[in-house]
Amino acid sequence: MASTSARVAARTRARDAQRKVLAARAERDKANMDSLTEFFTAAEEIEASRRRQAGALAAIRQREGTLTAAAALAGLTLGEARTLLAVLTAPGPAPDDAAAATSTTNPVPHTADASDSAV
C-alpha cells in the first residue's frame, strides 16, 4: 500500500511540475507576442516614415531638376538618395542598405545631367 501511495504522490508531483512548466511557457508566449506586436508596429511606423521622406525627396528632385541637387539639399549622398527613392517604387518592404549597396541595377529612374557626373 505504501508503494501505491508513493506512486500516486510521484504522479501528482509530476503533474504539478508539468503544469508549472506549461504556465511559464504560456506566460513567456504572451510576453513574446506583446513584444512582437510592438516590434512590428514600430517597423510599420518606420516604413511609413521612410515613404514620407522619399516622397519629400522626390518633390525636391522634381523642383530642382536633378537628384544630385535634391540630395545635396537634403544632406544625403547620391547613393543614399537613390536608396531612399527606391522605397517609392518598391512593391514590398524597403530594400535594406546592404542589398541596395550590392545591387548592380538602379531601379529608380532619375535625370542625370553633365554636372551630375562631375560631382
PDB file of N, CA and C in Angstrom:
ATOM      1  N   MET A   1       0.812  -1.188   0.000  1.00  0.00           N
ATOM      2  CA  MET A   1       0.000   0.000   0.000  1.00  0.00           C
ATOM      3  C   MET A   1       0.860   1.258   0.000  1.00  0.00           C
ATOM      4  N   ALA A   2       1.983   1.183   0.676  1.00  0.00           N
ATOM      5  CA  ALA A   2       2.873   2.332   0.743  1.00  0.00           C
ATOM      6  C   ALA A   2       3.431   2.650  -0.634  1.00  0.00           C
ATOM      7  N   SER A   3       3.743   1.619  -1.410  1.00  0.00           N
ATOM      8  CA  SER A   3       4.284   1.866  -2.743  1.00  0.00           C
ATOM      9  C   SER A   3       3.234   2.477  -3.665  1.00  0.00           C
ATOM     10  N   THR A   4       1.977   2.109  -3.498  1.00  0.00           N
ATOM     11  CA  THR A   4       0.905   2.686  -4.303  1.00  0.00           C
ATOM     12  C   THR A   4       0.751   4.168  -3.990  1.00  0.00           C
ATOM     13  N   SER A   5       0.750   4.519  -2.736  1.00  0.00           N
ATOM     14  CA  SER A   5       0.604   5.929  -2.373  1.00  0.00           C
ATOM     15  C   SER A   5       1.831   6.728  -2.807  1.00  0.00           C
ATOM     16  N   ALA A   6       2.994   6.106  -2.794  1.00  0.00           N
ATOM     17  CA  ALA A   6       4.210   6.782  -3.259  1.00  0.00           C
ATOM     18  C   ALA A   6       4.119   7.061  -4.759  1.00  0.00           C
ATOM     19  N   ARG A   7       3.598   6.077  -5.517  1.00  0.00           N
ATOM     20  CA  ARG A   7       3.441   6.279  -6.964  1.00  0.00           C
ATOM     21  C   ARG A   7       2.421   7.376  -7.251  1.00  0.00           C
ATOM     22  N   VAL A   8       1.329   7.383  -6.502  1.00  0.00           N
ATOM     23  CA  VAL A   8       0.302   8.410  -6.680  1.00  0.00           C
ATOM     24  C   VAL A   8       0.890   9.785  -6.357  1.00  0.00           C
ATOM     25  N   ALA A   9       1.646   9.866  -5.286  1.00  0.00           N
ATOM     26  CA  ALA A   9       2.266  11.137  -4.904  1.00  0.00           C
ATOM     27  C   ALA A   9       3.273  11.581  -5.967  1.00  0.00           C
ATOM     28  N   ALA A  10       4.031  10.645  -6.507  1.00  0.00           N
ATOM     29  CA  ALA A  10       5.012  10.972  -7.549  1.00  0.00           C
ATOM     30  C   ALA A  10       4.311  11.482  -8.804  1.00  0.00           C
ATOM     31  N   ARG A  11       3.220  10.832  -9.179  1.00  0.00           N
ATOM     32  CA  ARG A  11       2.461  11.294 -10.350  1.00  0.00           C
ATOM     33  C   ARG A  11       1.888  12.691 -10.113  1.00  0.00           C
ATOM     34  N   THR A  12       1.403  12.918  -8.921  1.00  0.00           N
ATOM     35  CA  THR A  12       0.846  14.231  -8.581  1.00  0.00           C
ATOM     36  C   THR A  12       1.925  15.302  -8.672  1.00  0.00           C
ATOM     37  N   ARG A  13       3.113  15.000  -8.128  1.00  0.00           N
ATOM     38  CA  ARG A  13       4.218  15.958  -8.217  1.00  0.00           C
ATOM     39  C   ARG A  13       4.611  16.202  -9.674  1.00  0.00           C
ATOM     40  N   ALA A  14       4.628  15.139 -10.467  1.00  0.00           N
ATOM     41  CA  ALA A  14       4.987  15.279 -11.884  1.00  0.00           C
ATOM     42  C   ALA A  14       3.961  16.134 -12.624  1.00  0.00           C
ATOM     43  N   ARG A  15       2.671  15.919 -12.337  1.00  0.00           N
ATOM     44  CA  ARG A  15       1.625  16.731 -12.972  1.00  0.00           C
ATOM     45  C   ARG A  15       1.744  18.192 -12.556  1.00  0.00           C
ATOM     46  N   ASP A  16       2.010  18.422 -11.274  1.00  0.00           N
ATOM     47  CA  ASP A  16       2.183  19.801 -10.794  1.00  0.00           C
ATOM     48  C   ASP A  16       3.377  20.468 -11.468  1.00  0.00           C
ATOM     49  N   ALA A  17       4.467  19.732 -11.583  1.00  0.00           N
ATOM     50  CA  ALA A  17       5.660  20.281 -12.245  1.00  0.00           C
ATOM     51  C   ALA A  17       5.356  20.594 -13.705  1.00  0.00           C
ATOM     52  N   GLN A  18       4.629  19.694 -14.373  1.00  0.00           N
ATOM     53  CA  GLN A  18       4.272  19.916 -15.779  1.00  0.00           C
ATOM     54  C   GLN A  18       3.365  21.132 -15.923  1.00  0.00           C
ATOM     55  N   ARG A  19       2.431  21.313 -15.007  1.00  0.00           N
ATOM     56  CA  ARG A  19       1.554  22.489 -15.035  1.00  0.00           C
ATOM     57  C   ARG A  19       2.369  23.770 -14.892  1.00  0.00           C
ATOM     58  N   LYS A  20       3.362  23.742 -13.997  1.00  0.00           N
ATOM     59  CA  LYS A  20       4.213  24.921 -13.812  1.00  0.00           C
ATOM     60  C   LYS A  20       5.000  25.230 -15.077  1.00  0.00           C
ATOM     61  N   VAL A  21       5.516  24.184 -15.715  1.00  0.00           N
ATOM     62  CA  VAL A  21       6.260  24.371 -16.960  1.00  0.00           C
ATOM     63  C   VAL A  21       5.347  24.968 -18.030  1.00  0.00           C
ATOM     64  N   LEU A  22       4.144  24.425 -18.158  1.00  0.00           N
ATOM     65  CA  LEU A  22       3.200  24.929 -19.163  1.00  0.00           C
ATOM     66  C   LEU A  22       2.757  26.355 -18.849  1.00  0.00           C
ATOM     67  N   ALA A  23       2.555  26.663 -17.579  1.00  0.00           N
ATOM     68  CA  ALA A  23       2.161  28.019 -17.202  1.00  0.00           C
ATOM     69  C   ALA A  23       3.284  29.010 -17.505  1.00  0.00           C
ATOM     70  N   ALA A  24       4.521  28.626 -17.224  1.00  0.00           N
ATOM     71  CA  ALA A  24       5.661  29.503 -17.521  1.00  0.00           C
ATOM     72  C   ALA A  24       5.784  29.716 -19.025  1.00  0.00           C
ATOM     73  N   ARG A  25       5.579  28.648 -19.810  1.00  0.00           N
ATOM     74  CA  ARG A  25       5.650  28.758 -21.271  1.00  0.00           C
ATOM     75  C   ARG A  25       4.557  29.689 -21.783  1.00  0.00           C
ATOM     76  N   ALA A  26       3.346  29.548 -21.250  1.00  0.00           N
ATOM     77  CA  ALA A  26       2.237  30.405 -21.675  1.00  0.00           C
ATOM     78  C   ALA A  26       2.526  31.865 -21.330  1.00  0.00           C
ATOM     79  N   GLU A  27       3.120  32.098 -20.160  1.00  0.00           N
ATOM     80  CA  GLU A  27       3.463  33.463 -19.756  1.00  0.00           C
ATOM     81  C   GLU A  27       4.522  34.052 -20.688  1.00  0.00           C
ATOM     82  N   ARG A  28       5.538  33.260 -21.032  1.00  0.00           N
ATOM     83  CA  ARG A  28       6.570  33.738 -21.962  1.00  0.00           C
ATOM     84  C   ARG A  28       5.980  33.982 -23.345  1.00  0.00           C
ATOM     85  N   ASP A  29       5.099  33.087 -23.789  1.00  0.00           N
ATOM     86  CA  ASP A  29       4.468  33.266 -25.103  1.00  0.00           C
ATOM     87  C   ASP A  29       3.664  34.562 -25.163  1.00  0.00           C
ATOM     88  N   LYS A  30       2.916  34.854 -24.099  1.00  0.00           N
ATOM     89  CA  LYS A  30       2.133  36.087 -24.075  1.00  0.00           C
ATOM     90  C   LYS A  30       3.053  37.302 -24.094  1.00  0.00           C
ATOM     91  N   ALA A  31       4.111  37.273 -23.295  1.00  0.00           N
ATOM     92  CA  ALA A  31       5.057  38.390 -23.271  1.00  0.00           C
ATOM     93  C   ALA A  31       5.734  38.546 -24.634  1.00  0.00           C
ATOM     94  N   ASN A  32       6.092  37.425 -25.266  1.00  0.00           N
ATOM     95  CA  ASN A  32       6.713  37.483 -26.593  1.00  0.00           C
ATOM     96  C   ASN A  32       5.753  38.056 -27.629  1.00  0.00           C
ATOM     97  N   MET A  33       4.495  37.682 -27.569  1.00  0.00           N
ATOM     98  CA  MET A  33       3.518  38.219 -28.520  1.00  0.00           C
ATOM     99  C   MET A  33       3.362  39.727 -28.334  1.00  0.00           C
ATOM    100  N   ASP A  34       3.348  40.180 -27.086  1.00  0.00           N
ATOM    101  CA  ASP A  34       3.267  41.620 -26.830  1.00  0.00           C
ATOM    102  C   ASP A  34       4.483  42.338 -27.411  1.00  0.00           C
ATOM    103  N   SER A  35       5.665  41.763 -27.190  1.00  0.00           N
ATOM    104  CA  SER A  35       6.894  42.374 -27.712  1.00  0.00           C
ATOM    105  C   SER A  35       6.917  42.354 -29.234  1.00  0.00           C
ATOM    106  N   LEU A  36       6.482  41.245 -29.834  1.00  0.00           N
ATOM    107  CA  LEU A  36       6.461  41.160 -31.296  1.00  0.00           C
ATOM    108  C   LEU A  36       5.464  42.151 -31.894  1.00  0.00           C
ATOM    109  N   THR A  37       4.336  42.323 -31.244  1.00  0.00           N
ATOM    110  CA  THR A  37       3.361  43.309 -31.714  1.00  0.00           C
ATOM    111  C   THR A  37       3.974  44.700 -31.698  1.00  0.00           C
ATOM    112  N   GLU A  38       4.664  45.029 -30.610  1.00  0.00           N
ATOM    113  CA  GLU A  38       5.332  46.328 -30.510  1.00  0.00           C
ATOM    114  C   GLU A  38       6.412  46.468 -31.581  1.00  0.00           C
ATOM    115  N   PHE A  39       7.174  45.392 -31.795  1.00  0.00           N
ATOM    116  CA  PHE A  39       8.253  45.390 -32.786  1.00  0.00           C
ATOM    117  C   PHE A  39       7.708  45.661 -34.186  1.00  0.00           C
ATOM    118  N   PHE A  40       6.676  44.924 -34.587  1.00  0.00           N
ATOM    119  CA  PHE A  40       6.153  45.077 -35.941  1.00  0.00           C
ATOM    120  C   PHE A  40       5.399  46.396 -36.117  1.00  0.00           C
ATOM    121  N   THR A  41       4.778  46.894 -35.070  1.00  0.00           N
ATOM    122  CA  THR A  41       4.140  48.207 -35.145  1.00  0.00           C
ATOM    123  C   THR A  41       5.185  49.286 -35.391  1.00  0.00           C
ATOM    124  N   ALA A  42       6.300  49.192 -34.671  1.00  0.00           N
ATOM    125  CA  ALA A  42       7.387  50.160 -34.870  1.00  0.00           C
ATOM    126  C   ALA A  42       7.953  50.049 -36.282  1.00  0.00           C
ATOM    127  N   ALA A  43       8.090  48.820 -36.791  1.00  0.00           N
ATOM    128  CA  ALA A  43       8.606  48.626 -38.149  1.00  0.00           C
ATOM    129  C   ALA A  43       7.678  49.264 -39.182  1.00  0.00           C
ATOM    130  N   GLU A  44       6.379  49.130 -38.988  1.00  0.00           N
ATOM    131  CA  GLU A  44       5.424  49.752 -39.909  1.00  0.00           C
ATOM    132  C   GLU A  44       5.508  51.276 -39.841  1.00  0.00           C
ATOM    133  N   GLU A  45       5.710  51.810 -38.638  1.00  0.00           N
ATOM    134  CA  GLU A  45       5.849  53.258 -38.496  1.00  0.00           C
ATOM    135  C   GLU A  45       7.119  53.751 -39.183  1.00  0.00           C
ATOM    136  N   ILE A  46       8.197  52.991 -39.062  1.00  0.00           N
ATOM    137  CA  ILE A  46       9.453  53.355 -39.720  1.00  0.00           C
ATOM    138  C   ILE A  46       9.274  53.328 -41.232  1.00  0.00           C
ATOM    139  N   GLU A  47       8.609  52.296 -41.737  1.00  0.00           N
ATOM    140  CA  GLU A  47       8.372  52.183 -43.177  1.00  0.00           C
ATOM    141  C   GLU A  47       7.542  53.364 -43.682  1.00  0.00           C
ATOM    142  N   ALA A  48       6.518  53.729 -42.938  1.00  0.00           N
ATOM    143  CA  ALA A  48       5.684  54.872 -43.332  1.00  0.00           C
ATOM    144  C   ALA A  48       6.504  56.162 -43.321  1.00  0.00           C
ATOM    145  N   SER A  49       7.364  56.301 -42.342  1.00  0.00           N
ATOM    146  CA  SER A  49       8.218  57.485 -42.261  1.00  0.00           C
ATOM    147  C   SER A  49       9.182  57.544 -43.443  1.00  0.00           C
ATOM    148  N   ARG A  50       9.769  56.410 -43.806  1.00  0.00           N
ATOM    149  CA  ARG A  50      10.688  56.378 -44.950  1.00  0.00           C
ATOM    150  C   ARG A  50       9.947  56.707 -46.248  1.00  0.00           C
ATOM    151  N   ARG A  51       8.714  56.250 -46.369  1.00  0.00           N
ATOM    152  CA  ARG A  51       7.932  56.589 -47.562  1.00  0.00           C
ATOM    153  C   ARG A  51       7.653  58.094 -47.624  1.00  0.00           C
ATOM    154  N   ARG A  52       7.374  58.702 -46.468  1.00  0.00           N
ATOM    155  CA  ARG A  52       7.165  60.158 -46.444  1.00  0.00           C
ATOM    156  C   ARG A  52       8.457  60.885 -46.800  1.00  0.00           C
ATOM    157  N   GLN A  53       9.598  60.408 -46.282  1.00  0.00           N
ATOM    158  CA  GLN A  53      10.887  61.010 -46.630  1.00  0.00           C
ATOM    159  C   GLN A  53      11.136  60.894 -48.128  1.00  0.00           C
ATOM    160  N   ALA A  54      10.861  59.723 -48.680  1.00  0.00           N
ATOM    161  CA  ALA A  54      11.084  59.506 -50.106  1.00  0.00           C
ATOM    162  C   ALA A  54      10.190  60.420 -50.935  1.00  0.00           C
ATOM    163  N   GLY A  55       8.952  60.585 -50.511  1.00  0.00           N
ATOM    164  CA  GLY A  55       8.045  61.482 -51.226  1.00  0.00           C
ATOM    165  C   GLY A  55       8.529  62.921 -51.202  1.00  0.00           C
ATOM    166  N   ALA A  56       9.028  63.346 -50.051  1.00  0.00           N
ATOM    167  CA  ALA A  56       9.554  64.709 -49.940  1.00  0.00           C
ATOM    168  C   ALA A  56      10.789  64.879 -50.817  1.00  0.00           C
ATOM    169  N   LEU A  57      11.667  63.874 -50.831  1.00  0.00           N
ATOM    170  CA  LEU A  57      12.863  63.944 -51.668  1.00  0.00           C
ATOM    171  C   LEU A  57      12.483  63.961 -53.150  1.00  0.00           C
ATOM    172  N   ALA A  58      11.484  63.180 -53.528  1.00  0.00           N
ATOM    173  CA  ALA A  58      11.029  63.177 -54.920  1.00  0.00           C
ATOM    174  C   ALA A  58      10.476  64.548 -55.310  1.00  0.00           C
ATOM    175  N   ALA A  59       9.773  65.192 -54.390  1.00  0.00           N
ATOM    176  CA  ALA A  59       9.243  66.530 -54.676  1.00  0.00           C
ATOM    177  C   ALA A  59      10.382  67.533 -54.852  1.00  0.00           C
ATOM    178  N   ILE A  60      11.412  67.424 -54.013  1.00  0.00           N
ATOM    179  CA  ILE A  60      12.575  68.315 -54.147  1.00  0.00           C
ATOM    180  C   ILE A  60      13.264  68.058 -55.480  1.00  0.00           C
ATOM    181  N   ARG A  61      13.430  66.784 -55.833  1.00  0.00           N
ATOM    182  CA  ARG A  61      14.071  66.443 -57.106  1.00  0.00           C
ATOM    183  C   ARG A  61      13.275  67.011 -58.273  1.00  0.00           C
ATOM    184  N   GLN A  62      11.971  66.937 -58.187  1.00  0.00           N
ATOM    185  CA  GLN A  62      11.116  67.467 -59.255  1.00  0.00           C
ATOM    186  C   GLN A  62      11.333  68.971 -59.416  1.00  0.00           C
ATOM    187  N   ARG A  63      11.414  69.677 -58.302  1.00  0.00           N
ATOM    188  CA  ARG A  63      11.604  71.134 -58.365  1.00  0.00           C
ATOM    189  C   ARG A  63      13.016  71.516 -58.781  1.00  0.00           C
ATOM    190  N   GLU A  64      14.019  70.796 -58.293  1.00  0.00           N
ATOM    191  CA  GLU A  64      15.418  71.140 -58.569  1.00  0.00           C
ATOM    192  C   GLU A  64      15.894  70.625 -59.927  1.00  0.00           C
ATOM    193  N   GLY A  65      15.271  69.575 -60.426  1.00  0.00           N
ATOM    194  CA  GLY A  65      15.622  69.067 -61.748  1.00  0.00           C
ATOM    195  C   GLY A  65      16.598  67.906 -61.746  1.00  0.00           C
ATOM    196  N   THR A  66      17.386  67.753 -60.705  1.00  0.00           N
ATOM    197  CA  THR A  66      18.323  66.624 -60.658  1.00  0.00           C
ATOM    198  C   THR A  66      18.294  65.992 -59.277  1.00  0.00           C
ATOM    199  N   LEU A  67      18.615  64.725 -59.252  1.00  0.00           N
ATOM    200  CA  LEU A  67      18.700  64.011 -57.985  1.00  0.00           C
ATOM    201  C   LEU A  67      19.898  64.492 -57.176  1.00  0.00           C
ATOM    202  N   THR A  68      20.978  64.846 -57.856  1.00  0.00           N
ATOM    203  CA  THR A  68      22.169  65.336 -57.158  1.00  0.00           C
ATOM    204  C   THR A  68      21.852  66.598 -56.371  1.00  0.00           C
ATOM    205  N   ALA A  69      21.125  67.520 -56.974  1.00  0.00           N
ATOM    206  CA  ALA A  69      20.757  68.759 -56.284  1.00  0.00           C
ATOM    207  C   ALA A  69      19.832  68.472 -55.106  1.00  0.00           C
ATOM    208  N   ALA A  70      18.888  67.579 -55.310  1.00  0.00           N
ATOM    209  CA  ALA A  70      17.968  67.232 -54.226  1.00  0.00           C
ATOM    210  C   ALA A  70      18.714  66.568 -53.073  1.00  0.00           C
ATOM    211  N   ALA A  71      19.645  65.682 -53.406  1.00  0.00           N
ATOM    212  CA  ALA A  71      20.430  65.005 -52.370  1.00  0.00           C
ATOM    213  C   ALA A  71      21.273  66.003 -51.597  1.00  0.00           C
ATOM    214  N   ALA A  72      21.870  66.946 -52.303  1.00  0.00           N
ATOM    215  CA  ALA A  72      22.697  67.957 -51.639  1.00  0.00           C
ATOM    216  C   ALA A  72      21.855  68.802 -50.682  1.00  0.00           C
ATOM    217  N   LEU A  73      20.668  69.196 -51.106  1.00  0.00           N
ATOM    218  CA  LEU A  73      19.790  69.982 -50.235  1.00  0.00           C
ATOM    219  C   LEU A  73      19.378  69.198 -48.991  1.00  0.00           C
ATOM    220  N   ALA A  74      19.181  67.897 -49.158  1.00  0.00           N
ATOM    221  CA  ALA A  74      18.747  67.057 -48.039  1.00  0.00           C
ATOM    222  C   ALA A  74      19.916  66.563 -47.194  1.00  0.00           C
ATOM    223  N   GLY A  75      21.140  66.829 -47.646  1.00  0.00           N
ATOM    224  CA  GLY A  75      22.305  66.372 -46.894  1.00  0.00           C
ATOM    225  C   GLY A  75      22.564  64.888 -47.046  1.00  0.00           C
ATOM    226  N   LEU A  76      22.205  64.343 -48.203  1.00  0.00           N
ATOM    227  CA  LEU A  76      22.388  62.918 -48.479  1.00  0.00           C
ATOM    228  C   LEU A  76      23.428  62.728 -49.563  1.00  0.00           C
ATOM    229  N   THR A  77      24.040  61.552 -49.578  1.00  0.00           N
ATOM    230  CA  THR A  77      24.867  61.210 -50.727  1.00  0.00           C
ATOM    231  C   THR A  77      23.930  60.798 -51.848  1.00  0.00           C
ATOM    232  N   LEU A  78      24.452  60.753 -53.050  1.00  0.00           N
ATOM    233  CA  LEU A  78      23.622  60.351 -54.186  1.00  0.00           C
ATOM    234  C   LEU A  78      23.120  58.918 -54.000  1.00  0.00           C
ATOM    235  N   GLY A  79      23.974  58.049 -53.481  1.00  0.00           N
ATOM    236  CA  GLY A  79      23.571  56.660 -53.221  1.00  0.00           C
ATOM    237  C   GLY A  79      22.457  56.564 -52.187  1.00  0.00           C
ATOM    238  N   GLU A  80      22.569  57.358 -51.125  1.00  0.00           N
ATOM    239  CA  GLU A  80      21.516  57.368 -50.105  1.00  0.00           C
ATOM    240  C   GLU A  80      20.206  57.876 -50.688  1.00  0.00           C
ATOM    241  N   ALA A  81      20.286  58.884 -51.530  1.00  0.00           N
ATOM    242  CA  ALA A  81      19.084  59.433 -52.154  1.00  0.00           C
ATOM    243  C   ALA A  81      18.437  58.397 -53.070  1.00  0.00           C
ATOM    244  N   ARG A  82      19.253  57.691 -53.844  1.00  0.00           N
ATOM    245  CA  ARG A  82      18.705  56.648 -54.729  1.00  0.00           C
ATOM    246  C   ARG A  82      18.048  55.540 -53.919  1.00  0.00           C
ATOM    247  N   THR A  83      18.700  55.132 -52.833  1.00  0.00           N
ATOM    248  CA  THR A  83      18.133  54.095 -51.976  1.00  0.00           C
ATOM    249  C   THR A  83      16.805  54.554 -51.388  1.00  0.00           C
ATOM    250  N   LEU A  84      16.746  55.788 -50.964  1.00  0.00           N
ATOM    251  CA  LEU A  84      15.516  56.320 -50.391  1.00  0.00           C
ATOM    252  C   LEU A  84      14.410  56.391 -51.437  1.00  0.00           C
ATOM    253  N   LEU A  85      14.739  56.831 -52.644  1.00  0.00           N
ATOM    254  CA  LEU A  85      13.722  56.899 -53.699  1.00  0.00           C
ATOM    255  C   LEU A  85      13.263  55.514 -54.139  1.00  0.00           C
ATOM    256  N   ALA A  86      14.105  54.510 -53.949  1.00  0.00           N
ATOM    257  CA  ALA A  86      13.708  53.142 -54.296  1.00  0.00           C
ATOM    258  C   ALA A  86      12.527  52.689 -53.448  1.00  0.00           C
ATOM    259  N   VAL A  87      12.351  53.295 -52.292  1.00  0.00           N
ATOM    260  CA  VAL A  87      11.217  52.972 -51.425  1.00  0.00           C
ATOM    261  C   VAL A  87       9.904  53.261 -52.145  1.00  0.00           C
ATOM    262  N   LEU A  88       9.885  54.306 -52.958  1.00  0.00           N
ATOM    263  CA  LEU A  88       8.654  54.673 -53.665  1.00  0.00           C
ATOM    264  C   LEU A  88       8.271  53.667 -54.739  1.00  0.00           C
ATOM    265  N   THR A  89       9.259  53.020 -55.341  1.00  0.00           N
ATOM    266  CA  THR A  89       8.964  52.092 -56.429  1.00  0.00           C
ATOM    267  C   THR A  89       8.904  50.650 -55.965  1.00  0.00           C
ATOM    268  N   ALA A  90       9.327  50.382 -54.738  1.00  0.00           N
ATOM    269  CA  ALA A  90       9.331  49.008 -54.230  1.00  0.00           C
ATOM    270  C   ALA A  90       7.908  48.582 -53.884  1.00  0.00           C
ATOM    271  N   PRO A  91       7.478  47.403 -54.370  1.00  0.00           N
ATOM    272  CA  PRO A  91       6.126  46.949 -54.070  1.00  0.00           C
ATOM    273  C   PRO A  91       5.977  46.483 -52.627  1.00  0.00           C
ATOM    274  N   GLY A  92       7.066  45.974 -52.043  1.00  0.00           N
ATOM    275  CA  GLY A  92       7.011  45.460 -50.676  1.00  0.00           C
ATOM    276  C   GLY A  92       7.789  46.343 -49.746  1.00  0.00           C
ATOM    277  N   PRO A  93       8.396  45.715 -48.737  1.00  0.00           N
ATOM    278  CA  PRO A  93       9.206  46.486 -47.801  1.00  0.00           C
ATOM    279  C   PRO A  93      10.407  47.111 -48.483  1.00  0.00           C
ATOM    280  N   ALA A  94      10.920  48.164 -47.887  1.00  0.00           N
ATOM    281  CA  ALA A  94      12.071  48.872 -48.446  1.00  0.00           C
ATOM    282  C   ALA A  94      13.282  47.966 -48.457  1.00  0.00           C
ATOM    283  N   PRO A  95      14.120  48.067 -49.501  1.00  0.00           N
ATOM    284  CA  PRO A  95      15.333  47.260 -49.513  1.00  0.00           C
ATOM    285  C   PRO A  95      16.270  47.727 -48.417  1.00  0.00           C
ATOM    286  N   ASP A  96      16.968  46.771 -47.790  1.00  0.00           N
ATOM    287  CA  ASP A  96      17.895  47.192 -46.747  1.00  0.00           C
ATOM    288  C   ASP A  96      19.151  47.752 -47.382  1.00  0.00           C
ATOM    289  N   ASP A  97      19.938  48.463 -46.599  1.00  0.00           N
ATOM    290  CA  ASP A  97      21.105  49.163 -47.119  1.00  0.00           C
ATOM    291  C   ASP A  97      22.118  48.215 -47.738  1.00  0.00           C
ATOM    292  N   ALA A  98      22.311  47.030 -47.165  1.00  0.00           N
ATOM    293  CA  ALA A  98      23.288  46.081 -47.701  1.00  0.00           C
ATOM    294  C   ALA A  98      22.861  45.591 -49.085  1.00  0.00           C
ATOM    295  N   ALA A  99      21.587  45.293 -49.242  1.00  0.00           N
ATOM    296  CA  ALA A  99      21.101  44.824 -50.537  1.00  0.00           C
ATOM    297  C   ALA A  99      21.182  45.934 -51.577  1.00  0.00           C
ATOM    298  N   ALA A 100      20.888  47.151 -51.174  1.00  0.00           N
ATOM    299  CA  ALA A 100      20.941  48.273 -52.110  1.00  0.00           C
ATOM    300  C   ALA A 100      22.379  48.561 -52.523  1.00  0.00           C
ATOM    301  N   ALA A 101      23.319  48.388 -51.610  1.00  0.00           N
ATOM    302  CA  ALA A 101      24.718  48.676 -51.914  1.00  0.00           C
ATOM    303  C   ALA A 101      25.311  47.656 -52.878  1.00  0.00           C
ATOM    304  N   THR A 102      24.834  46.413 -52.830  1.00  0.00           N
ATOM    305  CA  THR A 102      25.391  45.384 -53.697  1.00  0.00           C
ATOM    306  C   THR A 102      24.635  45.247 -55.009  1.00  0.00           C
ATOM    307  N   SER A 103      23.552  45.973 -55.171  1.00  0.00           N
ATOM    308  CA  SER A 103      22.764  45.883 -56.389  1.00  0.00           C
ATOM    309  C   SER A 103      23.530  46.481 -57.563  1.00  0.00           C
ATOM    310  N   THR A 104      23.430  45.813 -58.718  1.00  0.00           N
ATOM    311  CA  THR A 104      24.125  46.316 -59.901  1.00  0.00           C
ATOM    312  C   THR A 104      23.205  47.141 -60.780  1.00  0.00           C
ATOM    313  N   THR A 105      21.916  47.109 -60.508  1.00  0.00           N
ATOM    314  CA  THR A 105      20.975  47.890 -61.301  1.00  0.00           C
ATOM    315  C   THR A 105      20.339  48.939 -60.416  1.00  0.00           C
ATOM    316  N   ASN A 106      19.943  50.020 -61.037  1.00  0.00           N
ATOM    317  CA  ASN A 106      19.291  51.088 -60.303  1.00  0.00           C
ATOM    318  C   ASN A 106      17.812  51.064 -60.660  1.00  0.00           C
ATOM    319  N   PRO A 107      16.922  50.648 -59.727  1.00  0.00           N
ATOM    320  CA  PRO A 107      15.507  50.556 -60.049  1.00  0.00           C
ATOM    321  C   PRO A 107      14.820  51.910 -60.119  1.00  0.00           C
ATOM    322  N   VAL A 108      15.513  52.978 -59.720  1.00  0.00           N
ATOM    323  CA  VAL A 108      14.898  54.297 -59.698  1.00  0.00           C
ATOM    324  C   VAL A 108      15.369  55.098 -60.895  1.00  0.00           C
ATOM    325  N   PRO A 109      14.468  55.423 -61.804  1.00  0.00           N
ATOM    326  CA  PRO A 109      14.884  56.279 -62.911  1.00  0.00           C
ATOM    327  C   PRO A 109      15.139  57.686 -62.386  1.00  0.00           C
ATOM    328  N   HIS A 110      16.180  58.310 -62.869  1.00  0.00           N
ATOM    329  CA  HIS A 110      16.465  59.675 -62.458  1.00  0.00           C
ATOM    330  C   HIS A 110      17.086  60.420 -63.621  1.00  0.00           C
ATOM    331  N   THR A 111      16.987  61.721 -63.541  1.00  0.00           N
ATOM    332  CA  THR A 111      17.568  62.540 -64.589  1.00  0.00           C
ATOM    333  C   THR A 111      18.986  62.882 -64.201  1.00  0.00           C
ATOM    334  N   ALA A 112      19.892  62.636 -65.086  1.00  0.00           N
ATOM    335  CA  ALA A 112      21.297  62.976 -64.845  1.00  0.00           C
ATOM    336  C   ALA A 112      21.712  63.967 -65.914  1.00  0.00           C
ATOM    337  N   ASP A 113      22.438  64.958 -65.509  1.00  0.00           N
ATOM    338  CA  ASP A 113      22.967  65.894 -66.483  1.00  0.00           C
ATOM    339  C   ASP A 113      24.484  65.900 -66.376  1.00  0.00           C
ATOM    340  N   ALA A 114      25.132  66.674 -67.181  1.00  0.00           N
ATOM    341  CA  ALA A 114      26.595  66.687 -67.207  1.00  0.00           C
ATOM    342  C   ALA A 114      27.170  67.119 -65.867  1.00  0.00           C
ATOM    343  N   SER A 115      26.487  68.013 -65.165  1.00  0.00           N
ATOM    344  CA  SER A 115      27.012  68.466 -63.874  1.00  0.00           C
ATOM    345  C   SER A 115      26.934  67.371 -62.823  1.00  0.00           C
ATOM    346  N   ASP A 116      25.988  66.412 -62.965  1.00  0.00           N
ATOM    347  CA  ASP A 116      25.892  65.307 -62.013  1.00  0.00           C
ATOM    348  C   ASP A 116      27.108  64.409 -62.069  1.00  0.00           C
ATOM    349  N   SER A 117      27.645  64.190 -63.269  1.00  0.00           N
ATOM    350  CA  SER A 117      28.775  63.274 -63.386  1.00  0.00           C
ATOM    351  C   SER A 117      30.054  63.883 -62.846  1.00  0.00           C
ATOM    352  N   ALA A 118      30.115  65.198 -62.728  1.00  0.00           N
ATOM    353  CA  ALA A 118      31.310  65.851 -62.205  1.00  0.00           C
ATOM    354  C   ALA A 118      31.335  65.839 -60.687  1.00  0.00           C
ATOM    355  N   VAL A 119      30.216  65.532 -60.041  1.00  0.00           N
ATOM    356  CA  VAL A 119      30.145  65.571 -58.578  1.00  0.00           C
ATOM    357  C   VAL A 119      30.663  64.317 -57.974  1.00  0.00           C
TER     358      VAL A 119
END
